[in-house]
Amino acid sequence: MSGGIAPSRSTVYTSNLAYSLTNNDLHKIFSKYGQVVKVTLVKDKQTRKSKGVAFVQYLRKENAQECVRVLNGKQMFDRTIKCSIARDNGRSVEFIRKRYYPDKSSCYECGEEGHLSYECPKNSLGRRTPPPKKEKKKPRIEKHYDVDELEEEENSDEVPEEPDLETLSAAIQMEQAKMNTGADLNSVSNAKKKVIKKNTYFSDEEDLSD
């Protein structure tokens, strides 16, 4: 599992914990040594009470090693806890699988309604701030144009306004502009152009005619 999370190297096995500690309590305690990915508190299947044993998975194996170094043999809630790197029993893939709790109407810690496990009154260390929710990226919608739509857009340009010819001054200016335009065209057409005629035989000389 190179490049990803390795549970066999980044998971701490801790025992002799106080029975009153909940998942959220352990998360707050062990988060001091690095980013915690998951906390699994072992409980009795019948009574759902803690057995004082838990697995704490870190994102980085260095954090797990630091946790073991600091907490192993330390007094916590009048108990001497034991910490070590958990041994892989072949169920590591099952361990890291994320659990989903679709029913948000009751607390999965105590089973009572009206609150979630983050705010459970049974948390010995108080309320824990829930992790931020990941924002879902909205799919990018590209607009596609049909040929008819493009033609409509091209033909939908605003038509330039015609000059106001109701006033006398505007009419005179319009006529002068037309006359000037006609004069310019005549001057261009009457301009003499030099035409180059090539001789039928090869020569460096060329005849010029009007």
N, C-alpha and C. Protein backbone atom coordinates (compact mmCIF):
# COMPACT_ATOMS: atom_id res chain seq x y z
N MET A 1 0.83 -1.20 0.00
CA MET A 1 0.00 0.00 0.00
C MET A 1 0.87 1.25 0.00
N SER A 2 1.87 1.24 -0.83
CA SER A 2 2.77 2.37 -0.91
C SER A 2 2.04 3.56 -1.49
N GLY A 3 2.31 4.75 -0.91
CA GLY A 3 1.68 5.97 -1.37
C GLY A 3 0.33 6.24 -0.74
N GLY A 4 -0.23 5.26 0.01
CA GLY A 4 -1.52 5.46 0.65
C GLY A 4 -1.42 5.23 2.13
N ILE A 5 -2.57 5.04 2.75
CA ILE A 5 -2.60 4.81 4.19
C ILE A 5 -2.28 3.35 4.48
N ALA A 6 -1.32 3.10 5.36
CA ALA A 6 -0.94 1.74 5.74
C ALA A 6 -1.40 1.50 7.17
N PRO A 7 -2.54 0.86 7.38
CA PRO A 7 -3.08 0.67 8.74
C PRO A 7 -2.13 -0.09 9.65
N SER A 8 -1.38 -1.04 9.08
CA SER A 8 -0.48 -1.84 9.92
C SER A 8 0.66 -1.02 10.48
N ARG A 9 0.92 0.13 9.92
CA ARG A 9 2.02 0.97 10.38
C ARG A 9 1.55 2.26 11.06
N SER A 10 0.34 2.69 10.74
CA SER A 10 -0.13 3.98 11.27
C SER A 10 -1.27 3.84 12.27
N THR A 11 -1.53 2.62 12.75
CA THR A 11 -2.61 2.39 13.71
C THR A 11 -2.04 2.04 15.08
N VAL A 12 -2.56 2.72 16.09
CA VAL A 12 -2.12 2.50 17.48
C VAL A 12 -3.15 1.63 18.19
N TYR A 13 -2.67 0.58 18.84
CA TYR A 13 -3.52 -0.26 19.69
C TYR A 13 -3.34 0.22 21.12
N THR A 14 -4.43 0.62 21.74
CA THR A 14 -4.36 1.13 23.12
C THR A 14 -5.35 0.37 24.00
N SER A 15 -4.92 0.07 25.22
CA SER A 15 -5.75 -0.72 26.14
C SER A 15 -5.70 -0.13 27.54
N ASN A 16 -6.52 -0.70 28.42
CA ASN A 16 -6.67 -0.25 29.81
C ASN A 16 -7.20 1.18 29.88
N LEU A 17 -8.06 1.51 28.93
CA LEU A 17 -8.67 2.84 28.92
C LEU A 17 -9.83 2.90 29.91
N ALA A 18 -10.14 4.10 30.33
CA ALA A 18 -11.30 4.29 31.21
C ALA A 18 -12.57 3.95 30.43
N TYR A 19 -13.46 3.22 31.06
CA TYR A 19 -14.67 2.77 30.38
C TYR A 19 -15.61 3.92 30.01
N SER A 20 -15.42 5.04 30.65
CA SER A 20 -16.31 6.18 30.40
C SER A 20 -15.94 6.94 29.12
N LEU A 21 -14.76 6.68 28.58
CA LEU A 21 -14.32 7.41 27.39
C LEU A 21 -15.08 6.93 26.15
N THR A 22 -15.50 7.89 25.34
CA THR A 22 -16.22 7.59 24.10
C THR A 22 -15.29 7.75 22.90
N ASN A 23 -15.82 7.45 21.72
CA ASN A 23 -15.05 7.64 20.49
C ASN A 23 -14.58 9.08 20.35
N ASN A 24 -15.48 10.00 20.63
CA ASN A 24 -15.14 11.42 20.50
C ASN A 24 -14.09 11.85 21.52
N ASP A 25 -14.15 11.28 22.72
CA ASP A 25 -13.12 11.59 23.73
C ASP A 25 -11.75 11.13 23.25
N LEU A 26 -11.69 9.91 22.73
CA LEU A 26 -10.41 9.38 22.26
C LEU A 26 -9.90 10.17 21.06
N HIS A 27 -10.81 10.61 20.23
CA HIS A 27 -10.40 11.42 19.07
C HIS A 27 -9.73 12.71 19.53
N LYS A 28 -10.29 13.33 20.54
CA LYS A 28 -9.71 14.58 21.06
C LYS A 28 -8.35 14.33 21.72
N ILE A 29 -8.23 13.21 22.43
CA ILE A 29 -6.97 12.90 23.13
C ILE A 29 -5.85 12.60 22.15
N PHE A 30 -6.13 11.73 21.17
CA PHE A 30 -5.08 11.27 20.26
C PHE A 30 -4.80 12.24 19.11
N SER A 31 -5.67 13.20 18.89
CA SER A 31 -5.44 14.19 17.83
C SER A 31 -4.30 15.14 18.17
N LYS A 32 -3.86 15.12 19.42
CA LYS A 32 -2.74 15.99 19.81
C LYS A 32 -1.43 15.57 19.14
N TYR A 33 -1.38 14.36 18.62
CA TYR A 33 -0.13 13.84 18.07
C TYR A 33 -0.16 13.69 16.55
N GLY A 34 -1.24 14.15 15.94
CA GLY A 34 -1.33 14.09 14.48
C GLY A 34 -2.77 13.94 14.02
N GLN A 35 -2.94 13.96 12.72
CA GLN A 35 -4.29 13.86 12.16
C GLN A 35 -4.82 12.44 12.29
N VAL A 36 -5.92 12.30 12.99
CA VAL A 36 -6.54 11.00 13.21
C VAL A 36 -7.53 10.72 12.09
N VAL A 37 -7.39 9.56 11.47
CA VAL A 37 -8.29 9.17 10.39
C VAL A 37 -9.53 8.47 10.94
N LYS A 38 -9.32 7.61 11.92
CA LYS A 38 -10.44 6.83 12.44
C LYS A 38 -10.15 6.33 13.84
N VAL A 39 -11.19 6.28 14.66
CA VAL A 39 -11.10 5.72 16.02
C VAL A 39 -12.14 4.60 16.13
N THR A 40 -11.68 3.43 16.53
CA THR A 40 -12.58 2.29 16.73
C THR A 40 -12.50 1.84 18.18
N LEU A 41 -13.54 2.13 18.92
CA LEU A 41 -13.60 1.73 20.32
C LEU A 41 -14.30 0.37 20.41
N VAL A 42 -13.62 -0.61 20.99
CA VAL A 42 -14.18 -1.96 21.10
C VAL A 42 -15.24 -1.97 22.19
N LYS A 43 -16.45 -2.45 21.82
CA LYS A 43 -17.57 -2.49 22.78
C LYS A 43 -18.15 -3.90 22.87
N ASP A 44 -18.80 -4.15 23.96
CA ASP A 44 -19.50 -5.43 24.14
C ASP A 44 -20.71 -5.48 23.20
N LYS A 45 -20.88 -6.58 22.51
CA LYS A 45 -21.95 -6.68 21.52
C LYS A 45 -23.33 -6.62 22.16
N GLN A 46 -23.45 -7.06 23.37
CA GLN A 46 -24.76 -7.09 24.03
C GLN A 46 -25.07 -5.78 24.74
N THR A 47 -24.18 -5.36 25.58
CA THR A 47 -24.43 -4.15 26.39
C THR A 47 -24.01 -2.87 25.70
N ARG A 48 -23.17 -2.97 24.66
CA ARG A 48 -22.64 -1.81 23.93
C ARG A 48 -21.80 -0.91 24.82
N LYS A 49 -21.27 -1.48 25.89
CA LYS A 49 -20.38 -0.72 26.77
C LYS A 49 -18.93 -0.95 26.37
N SER A 50 -18.10 0.04 26.65
CA SER A 50 -16.69 -0.02 26.27
C SER A 50 -15.96 -1.13 27.02
N LYS A 51 -15.01 -1.76 26.30
CA LYS A 51 -14.15 -2.76 26.91
C LYS A 51 -12.79 -2.18 27.31
N GLY A 52 -12.65 -0.87 27.11
CA GLY A 52 -11.39 -0.22 27.47
C GLY A 52 -10.28 -0.44 26.47
N VAL A 53 -10.64 -0.86 25.26
CA VAL A 53 -9.66 -1.12 24.20
C VAL A 53 -10.08 -0.34 22.95
N ALA A 54 -9.09 0.22 22.25
CA ALA A 54 -9.41 0.99 21.04
C ALA A 54 -8.27 0.92 20.04
N PHE A 55 -8.62 1.15 18.78
CA PHE A 55 -7.65 1.27 17.69
C PHE A 55 -7.75 2.69 17.15
N VAL A 56 -6.61 3.36 17.08
CA VAL A 56 -6.58 4.74 16.60
C VAL A 56 -5.69 4.79 15.36
N GLN A 57 -6.30 5.12 14.25
CA GLN A 57 -5.56 5.16 12.99
C GLN A 57 -5.18 6.60 12.65
N TYR A 58 -3.89 6.80 12.38
CA TYR A 58 -3.37 8.11 11.99
C TYR A 58 -3.17 8.15 10.48
N LEU A 59 -3.07 9.37 9.98
CA LEU A 59 -2.81 9.55 8.56
C LEU A 59 -1.36 9.22 8.23
N ARG A 60 -0.45 9.52 9.16
CA ARG A 60 0.97 9.28 8.94
C ARG A 60 1.52 8.34 10.02
N LYS A 61 2.39 7.45 9.61
CA LYS A 61 2.96 6.48 10.55
C LYS A 61 3.84 7.17 11.59
N GLU A 62 4.46 8.31 11.22
CA GLU A 62 5.29 9.04 12.17
C GLU A 62 4.47 9.53 13.36
N ASN A 63 3.22 9.93 13.09
CA ASN A 63 2.35 10.38 14.17
C ASN A 63 1.98 9.24 15.10
N ALA A 64 1.77 8.05 14.54
CA ALA A 64 1.46 6.88 15.36
C ALA A 64 2.63 6.52 16.26
N GLN A 65 3.83 6.59 15.71
CA GLN A 65 5.03 6.27 16.49
C GLN A 65 5.23 7.28 17.62
N GLU A 66 4.96 8.55 17.34
CA GLU A 66 5.09 9.59 18.37
C GLU A 66 4.05 9.38 19.47
N CYS A 67 2.84 8.99 19.08
CA CYS A 67 1.78 8.73 20.06
C CYS A 67 2.18 7.60 21.01
N VAL A 68 2.72 6.52 20.46
CA VAL A 68 3.14 5.38 21.29
C VAL A 68 4.25 5.80 22.24
N ARG A 69 5.18 6.59 21.72
CA ARG A 69 6.32 7.02 22.54
C ARG A 69 5.87 7.85 23.73
N VAL A 70 4.88 8.70 23.54
CA VAL A 70 4.45 9.62 24.60
C VAL A 70 3.43 8.97 25.55
N LEU A 71 2.46 8.24 25.02
CA LEU A 71 1.34 7.78 25.84
C LEU A 71 1.53 6.41 26.47
N ASN A 72 2.40 5.58 25.96
CA ASN A 72 2.55 4.24 26.52
C ASN A 72 3.03 4.31 27.98
N GLY A 73 2.23 3.73 28.88
CA GLY A 73 2.57 3.73 30.30
C GLY A 73 2.18 5.00 31.02
N LYS A 74 1.43 5.87 30.35
CA LYS A 74 1.05 7.13 30.97
C LYS A 74 -0.25 6.97 31.76
N GLN A 75 -0.36 7.73 32.87
CA GLN A 75 -1.56 7.73 33.69
C GLN A 75 -2.64 8.59 33.02
N MET A 76 -3.83 8.01 32.88
CA MET A 76 -4.93 8.75 32.27
C MET A 76 -6.24 8.31 32.93
N PHE A 77 -6.90 9.22 33.60
CA PHE A 77 -8.13 8.93 34.33
C PHE A 77 -7.91 7.80 35.34
N ASP A 78 -6.83 7.93 36.09
CA ASP A 78 -6.48 6.98 37.16
C ASP A 78 -6.18 5.57 36.64
N ARG A 79 -5.81 5.48 35.38
CA ARG A 79 -5.45 4.18 34.82
C ARG A 79 -4.17 4.32 34.01
N THR A 80 -3.32 3.30 34.05
CA THR A 80 -2.09 3.31 33.26
C THR A 80 -2.40 2.66 31.91
N ILE A 81 -2.41 3.48 30.88
CA ILE A 81 -2.78 2.96 29.55
C ILE A 81 -1.56 2.37 28.85
N LYS A 82 -1.83 1.47 27.94
CA LYS A 82 -0.78 0.85 27.14
C LYS A 82 -1.02 1.17 25.68
N CYS A 83 0.05 1.54 24.99
CA CYS A 83 -0.05 1.87 23.56
C CYS A 83 1.06 1.17 22.79
N SER A 84 0.73 0.67 21.63
CA SER A 84 1.71 0.03 20.76
C SER A 84 1.19 0.08 19.33
N ILE A 85 2.10 -0.11 18.36
CA ILE A 85 1.67 -0.17 16.97
C ILE A 85 0.90 -1.47 16.75
N ALA A 86 -0.29 -1.36 16.21
CA ALA A 86 -1.15 -2.53 16.03
C ALA A 86 -0.55 -3.49 15.01
N ARG A 87 -0.70 -4.77 15.28
CA ARG A 87 -0.24 -5.80 14.35
C ARG A 87 -1.34 -6.14 13.36
N ASP A 88 -0.95 -6.29 12.10
CA ASP A 88 -1.93 -6.57 11.05
C ASP A 88 -2.37 -8.03 11.13
N ASN A 89 -3.66 -8.22 11.32
CA ASN A 89 -4.20 -9.58 11.39
C ASN A 89 -4.91 -9.99 10.10
N GLY A 90 -4.63 -9.23 9.04
CA GLY A 90 -5.25 -9.53 7.74
C GLY A 90 -6.58 -8.85 7.51
N ARG A 91 -7.02 -8.04 8.47
CA ARG A 91 -8.30 -7.35 8.33
C ARG A 91 -8.12 -5.85 8.20
N SER A 92 -6.95 -5.44 7.72
CA SER A 92 -6.67 -4.00 7.64
C SER A 92 -7.57 -3.29 6.65
N VAL A 93 -7.88 -3.96 5.53
CA VAL A 93 -8.76 -3.34 4.54
C VAL A 93 -10.14 -3.11 5.12
N GLU A 94 -10.62 -4.08 5.89
CA GLU A 94 -11.92 -3.95 6.55
C GLU A 94 -11.89 -2.84 7.59
N PHE A 95 -10.75 -2.68 8.23
CA PHE A 95 -10.64 -1.69 9.30
C PHE A 95 -10.73 -0.27 8.76
N ILE A 96 -10.07 -0.02 7.60
CA ILE A 96 -10.02 1.34 7.08
C ILE A 96 -11.27 1.70 6.29
N ARG A 97 -12.15 0.72 6.06
CA ARG A 97 -13.37 1.02 5.31
C ARG A 97 -14.22 2.00 6.11
N LYS A 98 -14.63 3.06 5.42
CA LYS A 98 -15.41 4.11 6.08
C LYS A 98 -16.83 3.63 6.37
N ARG A 99 -17.28 3.93 7.58
CA ARG A 99 -18.64 3.57 7.96
C ARG A 99 -19.57 4.75 7.74
N TYR A 100 -20.77 4.45 7.30
CA TYR A 100 -21.76 5.49 7.06
C TYR A 100 -22.93 5.32 8.04
N TYR A 101 -23.39 6.45 8.54
CA TYR A 101 -24.52 6.44 9.47
C TYR A 101 -25.62 7.31 8.87
N PRO A 102 -26.44 6.71 7.98
CA PRO A 102 -27.46 7.51 7.29
C PRO A 102 -28.53 8.06 8.22
N ASP A 103 -28.79 7.37 9.33
CA ASP A 103 -29.81 7.83 10.27
C ASP A 103 -29.23 8.88 11.20
N LYS A 104 -29.62 10.14 10.95
CA LYS A 104 -29.11 11.26 11.74
C LYS A 104 -30.09 11.67 12.84
N SER A 105 -31.12 10.87 13.07
CA SER A 105 -32.14 11.26 14.05
C SER A 105 -31.73 10.93 15.48
N SER A 106 -30.75 10.04 15.64
CA SER A 106 -30.34 9.66 17.00
C SER A 106 -28.83 9.55 17.08
N CYS A 107 -28.32 9.60 18.30
CA CYS A 107 -26.88 9.52 18.56
C CYS A 107 -26.45 8.05 18.53
N TYR A 108 -25.43 7.74 17.72
CA TYR A 108 -24.98 6.35 17.65
C TYR A 108 -24.12 5.98 18.86
N GLU A 109 -23.77 6.97 19.67
CA GLU A 109 -22.98 6.70 20.88
C GLU A 109 -23.85 6.19 22.02
N CYS A 110 -24.97 6.89 22.25
CA CYS A 110 -25.85 6.50 23.36
C CYS A 110 -27.22 6.01 22.89
N GLY A 111 -27.56 6.27 21.62
CA GLY A 111 -28.83 5.82 21.07
C GLY A 111 -29.99 6.75 21.30
N GLU A 112 -29.76 7.85 22.00
CA GLU A 112 -30.86 8.78 22.29
C GLU A 112 -31.04 9.76 21.14
N GLU A 113 -32.26 10.27 21.01
CA GLU A 113 -32.58 11.24 19.97
C GLU A 113 -32.36 12.67 20.47
N GLY A 114 -32.27 13.58 19.52
CA GLY A 114 -32.14 14.99 19.88
C GLY A 114 -30.73 15.54 19.75
N HIS A 115 -29.74 14.68 19.54
CA HIS A 115 -28.36 15.16 19.39
C HIS A 115 -27.56 14.10 18.64
N LEU A 116 -26.40 14.52 18.14
CA LEU A 116 -25.47 13.60 17.48
C LEU A 116 -24.33 13.28 18.43
N SER A 117 -23.48 12.34 18.02
CA SER A 117 -22.41 11.88 18.91
C SER A 117 -21.42 12.98 19.27
N TYR A 118 -21.27 13.99 18.38
CA TYR A 118 -20.34 15.09 18.67
C TYR A 118 -20.76 15.88 19.91
N GLU A 119 -22.08 15.90 20.15
CA GLU A 119 -22.61 16.66 21.28
C GLU A 119 -23.21 15.75 22.35
N CYS A 120 -22.82 14.50 22.35
CA CYS A 120 -23.39 13.55 23.30
C CYS A 120 -23.01 13.93 24.74
N PRO A 121 -23.96 13.96 25.65
CA PRO A 121 -23.64 14.30 27.05
C PRO A 121 -22.75 13.27 27.73
N LYS A 122 -22.60 12.11 27.12
CA LYS A 122 -21.74 11.08 27.71
C LYS A 122 -20.27 11.27 27.35
N ASN A 123 -19.97 12.23 26.51
CA ASN A 123 -18.57 12.53 26.21
C ASN A 123 -17.90 13.13 27.45
N SER A 124 -16.94 12.43 28.00
CA SER A 124 -16.28 12.89 29.23
C SER A 124 -15.52 14.19 29.03
N LEU A 125 -15.04 14.43 27.81
CA LEU A 125 -14.25 15.63 27.52
C LEU A 125 -15.07 16.71 26.83
N GLY A 126 -16.38 16.56 26.84
CA GLY A 126 -17.23 17.60 26.27
C GLY A 126 -17.45 17.45 24.78
N ARG A 127 -18.00 18.50 24.21
CA ARG A 127 -18.38 18.51 22.80
C ARG A 127 -17.14 18.52 21.90
N ARG A 128 -17.24 17.80 20.78
CA ARG A 128 -16.16 17.81 19.79
C ARG A 128 -16.66 18.48 18.52
N THR A 129 -15.83 19.35 17.96
CA THR A 129 -16.21 20.04 16.73
C THR A 129 -16.23 19.06 15.57
N PRO A 130 -17.35 18.95 14.87
CA PRO A 130 -17.41 18.00 13.75
C PRO A 130 -16.49 18.44 12.62
N PRO A 131 -15.95 17.50 11.86
CA PRO A 131 -15.06 17.85 10.75
C PRO A 131 -15.82 18.60 9.68
N PRO A 132 -15.16 19.50 8.95
CA PRO A 132 -15.85 20.25 7.90
C PRO A 132 -16.30 19.34 6.77
N LYS A 133 -17.47 19.65 6.24
CA LYS A 133 -17.98 18.86 5.13
C LYS A 133 -17.27 19.23 3.84
N LYS A 134 -17.01 18.22 3.03
CA LYS A 134 -16.37 18.47 1.75
C LYS A 134 -17.39 19.04 0.78
N GLU A 135 -16.99 20.11 0.13
CA GLU A 135 -17.89 20.73 -0.84
C GLU A 135 -17.85 19.95 -2.15
N LYS A 136 -19.04 19.65 -2.64
CA LYS A 136 -19.12 18.95 -3.92
C LYS A 136 -18.93 19.94 -5.06
N LYS A 137 -18.03 19.59 -5.96
CA LYS A 137 -17.79 20.46 -7.09
C LYS A 137 -18.93 20.34 -8.09
N LYS A 138 -19.46 21.49 -8.46
CA LYS A 138 -20.55 21.50 -9.42
C LYS A 138 -20.00 21.19 -10.81
N PRO A 139 -20.70 20.34 -11.56
CA PRO A 139 -20.22 20.02 -12.92
C PRO A 139 -20.26 21.24 -13.80
N ARG A 140 -19.21 21.39 -14.57
CA ARG A 140 -19.11 22.55 -15.45
C ARG A 140 -19.98 22.34 -16.67
N ILE A 141 -20.90 23.28 -16.92
CA ILE A 141 -21.82 23.17 -18.04
C ILE A 141 -21.33 24.07 -19.17
N GLU A 142 -21.02 23.44 -20.29
CA GLU A 142 -20.57 24.19 -21.45
C GLU A 142 -21.76 24.42 -22.38
N LYS A 143 -21.90 25.64 -22.85
CA LYS A 143 -23.01 25.96 -23.72
C LYS A 143 -22.64 25.63 -25.15
N HIS A 144 -23.50 24.86 -25.81
CA HIS A 144 -23.28 24.49 -27.20
C HIS A 144 -24.29 25.24 -28.06
N TYR A 145 -23.81 25.75 -29.16
CA TYR A 145 -24.65 26.53 -30.05
C TYR A 145 -24.99 25.71 -31.30
N ASP A 146 -26.24 25.80 -31.72
CA ASP A 146 -26.62 25.22 -33.00
C ASP A 146 -26.35 26.25 -34.08
N VAL A 147 -26.36 25.78 -35.32
CA VAL A 147 -26.11 26.69 -36.45
C VAL A 147 -27.20 27.74 -36.52
N ASP A 148 -28.45 27.34 -36.26
CA ASP A 148 -29.55 28.30 -36.31
C ASP A 148 -29.41 29.37 -35.24
N GLU A 149 -28.92 28.95 -34.03
CA GLU A 149 -28.75 29.91 -32.94
C GLU A 149 -27.67 30.92 -33.28
N LEU A 150 -26.58 30.44 -33.92
CA LEU A 150 -25.50 31.34 -34.29
C LEU A 150 -25.98 32.35 -35.32
N GLU A 151 -26.80 31.87 -36.29
CA GLU A 151 -27.31 32.79 -37.31
C GLU A 151 -28.23 33.82 -36.68
N GLU A 152 -29.03 33.39 -35.71
CA GLU A 152 -29.91 34.33 -35.04
C GLU A 152 -29.13 35.38 -34.28
N GLU A 153 -28.01 34.94 -33.62
CA GLU A 153 -27.19 35.90 -32.87
C GLU A 153 -26.53 36.89 -33.82
N GLU A 154 -26.07 36.37 -35.00
CA GLU A 154 -25.42 37.27 -35.95
C GLU A 154 -26.43 38.27 -36.52
N ASN A 155 -27.66 37.83 -36.72
CA ASN A 155 -28.68 38.70 -37.30
C ASN A 155 -29.38 39.56 -36.26
N SER A 156 -29.04 39.37 -35.00
CA SER A 156 -29.73 40.11 -33.94
C SER A 156 -28.99 41.38 -33.53
N ASP A 157 -27.94 41.74 -34.31
CA ASP A 157 -27.22 42.97 -34.00
C ASP A 157 -28.14 44.16 -34.22
N GLU A 158 -27.94 45.18 -33.43
CA GLU A 158 -28.78 46.36 -33.54
C GLU A 158 -28.50 47.09 -34.84
N VAL A 159 -29.57 47.56 -35.51
CA VAL A 159 -29.43 48.31 -36.76
C VAL A 159 -29.06 49.74 -36.43
N PRO A 160 -27.99 50.28 -37.06
CA PRO A 160 -27.60 51.66 -36.76
C PRO A 160 -28.69 52.64 -37.16
N GLU A 161 -28.86 53.65 -36.37
CA GLU A 161 -29.91 54.63 -36.63
C GLU A 161 -29.56 55.48 -37.84
N GLU A 162 -30.59 55.81 -38.65
CA GLU A 162 -30.41 56.70 -39.79
C GLU A 162 -30.28 58.13 -39.28
N PRO A 163 -29.50 58.96 -39.98
CA PRO A 163 -29.37 60.36 -39.55
C PRO A 163 -30.70 61.09 -39.65
N ASP A 164 -30.91 62.04 -38.80
CA ASP A 164 -32.15 62.81 -38.75
C ASP A 164 -32.17 63.78 -39.92
N LEU A 165 -33.07 63.54 -40.89
CA LEU A 165 -33.16 64.40 -42.08
C LEU A 165 -34.32 65.38 -41.99
N GLU A 166 -34.96 65.43 -40.85
CA GLU A 166 -36.11 66.32 -40.72
C GLU A 166 -35.68 67.78 -40.63
N THR A 167 -34.48 68.03 -40.16
CA THR A 167 -34.02 69.42 -40.06
C THR A 167 -33.31 69.81 -41.34
N LEU A 168 -33.37 71.09 -41.68
CA LEU A 168 -32.78 71.59 -42.92
C LEU A 168 -31.28 71.45 -42.92
N SER A 169 -30.64 71.74 -41.80
CA SER A 169 -29.17 71.67 -41.75
C SER A 169 -28.69 70.24 -41.96
N ALA A 170 -29.42 69.27 -41.41
CA ALA A 170 -29.03 67.88 -41.58
C ALA A 170 -29.17 67.45 -43.03
N ALA A 171 -30.22 67.94 -43.73
CA ALA A 171 -30.42 67.60 -45.13
C ALA A 171 -29.32 68.17 -46.00
N ILE A 172 -28.90 69.42 -45.69
CA ILE A 172 -27.82 70.05 -46.47
C ILE A 172 -26.52 69.29 -46.28
N GLN A 173 -26.21 68.93 -45.05
CA GLN A 173 -24.98 68.18 -44.78
C GLN A 173 -24.98 66.84 -45.50
N MET A 174 -26.13 66.23 -45.61
CA MET A 174 -26.23 64.93 -46.27
C MET A 174 -25.95 65.08 -47.76
N GLU A 175 -26.52 66.12 -48.37
CA GLU A 175 -26.30 66.34 -49.80
C GLU A 175 -24.85 66.67 -50.09
N GLN A 176 -24.21 67.49 -49.24
CA GLN A 176 -22.80 67.83 -49.43
C GLN A 176 -21.92 66.60 -49.34
N ALA A 177 -22.25 65.73 -48.44
CA ALA A 177 -21.47 64.50 -48.29
C ALA A 177 -21.57 63.64 -49.53
N LYS A 178 -22.79 63.57 -50.13
CA LYS A 178 -22.96 62.79 -51.36
C LYS A 178 -22.18 63.39 -52.51
N MET A 179 -22.21 64.76 -52.62
CA MET A 179 -21.49 65.43 -53.71
C MET A 179 -20.00 65.22 -53.58
N ASN A 180 -19.47 65.33 -52.37
CA ASN A 180 -18.03 65.13 -52.16
C ASN A 180 -17.62 63.71 -52.50
N THR A 181 -18.46 62.77 -52.18
CA THR A 181 -18.16 61.38 -52.48
C THR A 181 -18.13 61.14 -53.98
N GLY A 182 -19.08 61.76 -54.72
CA GLY A 182 -19.11 61.60 -56.17
C GLY A 182 -17.92 62.25 -56.83
N ALA A 183 -17.49 63.41 -56.30
CA ALA A 183 -16.33 64.09 -56.87
C ALA A 183 -15.07 63.28 -56.68
N ASP A 184 -14.94 62.66 -55.54
CA ASP A 184 -13.75 61.84 -55.29
C ASP A 184 -13.70 60.65 -56.23
N LEU A 185 -14.86 60.06 -56.54
CA LEU A 185 -14.88 58.91 -57.44
C LEU A 185 -14.51 59.32 -58.86
N ASN A 186 -14.99 60.50 -59.30
CA ASN A 186 -14.66 60.97 -60.65
C ASN A 186 -13.18 61.27 -60.79
N SER A 187 -12.60 61.88 -59.74
CA SER A 187 -11.17 62.21 -59.82
C SER A 187 -10.32 60.97 -59.90
N VAL A 188 -10.76 59.94 -59.26
CA VAL A 188 -9.99 58.69 -59.30
C VAL A 188 -10.08 58.04 -60.66
N SER A 189 -11.29 58.06 -61.26
CA SER A 189 -11.48 57.41 -62.56
C SER A 189 -10.77 58.15 -63.68
N ASN A 190 -10.62 59.50 -63.55
CA ASN A 190 -9.96 60.29 -64.59
C ASN A 190 -8.46 60.35 -64.45
N ALA A 191 -7.93 59.83 -63.39
CA ALA A 191 -6.48 59.88 -63.20
C ALA A 191 -5.80 59.02 -64.25
N LYS A 192 -4.70 59.55 -64.79
CA LYS A 192 -3.96 58.83 -65.82
C LYS A 192 -3.13 57.73 -65.19
N LYS A 193 -3.21 56.58 -65.81
CA LYS A 193 -2.42 55.46 -65.36
C LYS A 193 -1.41 55.09 -66.43
N LYS A 194 -0.22 54.83 -66.03
CA LYS A 194 0.81 54.41 -66.94
C LYS A 194 0.72 52.91 -67.14
N VAL A 195 0.68 52.48 -68.38
CA VAL A 195 0.59 51.08 -68.73
C VAL A 195 1.91 50.63 -69.30
N ILE A 196 2.39 49.52 -68.83
CA ILE A 196 3.67 49.00 -69.30
C ILE A 196 3.41 47.94 -70.35
N LYS A 197 3.93 48.19 -71.55
CA LYS A 197 3.84 47.21 -72.62
C LYS A 197 5.17 46.51 -72.79
N LYS A 198 5.11 45.23 -72.82
CA LYS A 198 6.33 44.47 -73.02
C LYS A 198 6.56 44.22 -74.51
N ASN A 199 7.80 44.35 -74.93
CA ASN A 199 8.15 44.05 -76.32
C ASN A 199 8.07 42.56 -76.56
N THR A 200 7.88 42.20 -77.82
CA THR A 200 7.79 40.80 -78.16
C THR A 200 9.12 40.11 -78.09
N TYR A 201 10.19 40.90 -78.11
CA TYR A 201 11.51 40.30 -77.99
C TYR A 201 12.12 40.69 -76.66
N PHE A 202 13.06 39.91 -76.23
CA PHE A 202 13.68 40.16 -74.93
C PHE A 202 14.53 41.40 -75.00
N SER A 203 14.28 42.37 -74.06
CA SER A 203 15.06 43.59 -74.03
C SER A 203 14.97 44.17 -72.64
N ASP A 204 15.98 44.91 -72.30
CA ASP A 204 15.96 45.61 -71.02
C ASP A 204 15.11 46.86 -71.10
N GLU A 205 14.78 47.32 -72.32
CA GLU A 205 14.00 48.53 -72.50
C GLU A 205 12.51 48.18 -72.53
N GLU A 206 11.70 49.08 -72.05
CA GLU A 206 10.26 48.90 -72.04
C GLU A 206 9.59 50.15 -72.55
N ASP A 207 8.48 49.98 -73.26
CA ASP A 207 7.74 51.12 -73.78
C ASP A 207 6.68 51.56 -72.78
N LEU A 208 6.58 52.84 -72.64
CA LEU A 208 5.56 53.42 -71.77
C LEU A 208 4.53 54.12 -72.62
N SER A 209 3.30 53.90 -72.42
CA SER A 209 2.23 54.57 -73.17
C SER A 209 1.19 55.07 -72.20
N ASP A 210 0.52 56.16 -72.54
CA ASP A 210 -0.51 56.73 -71.69
C ASP A 210 -1.76 55.89 -71.75
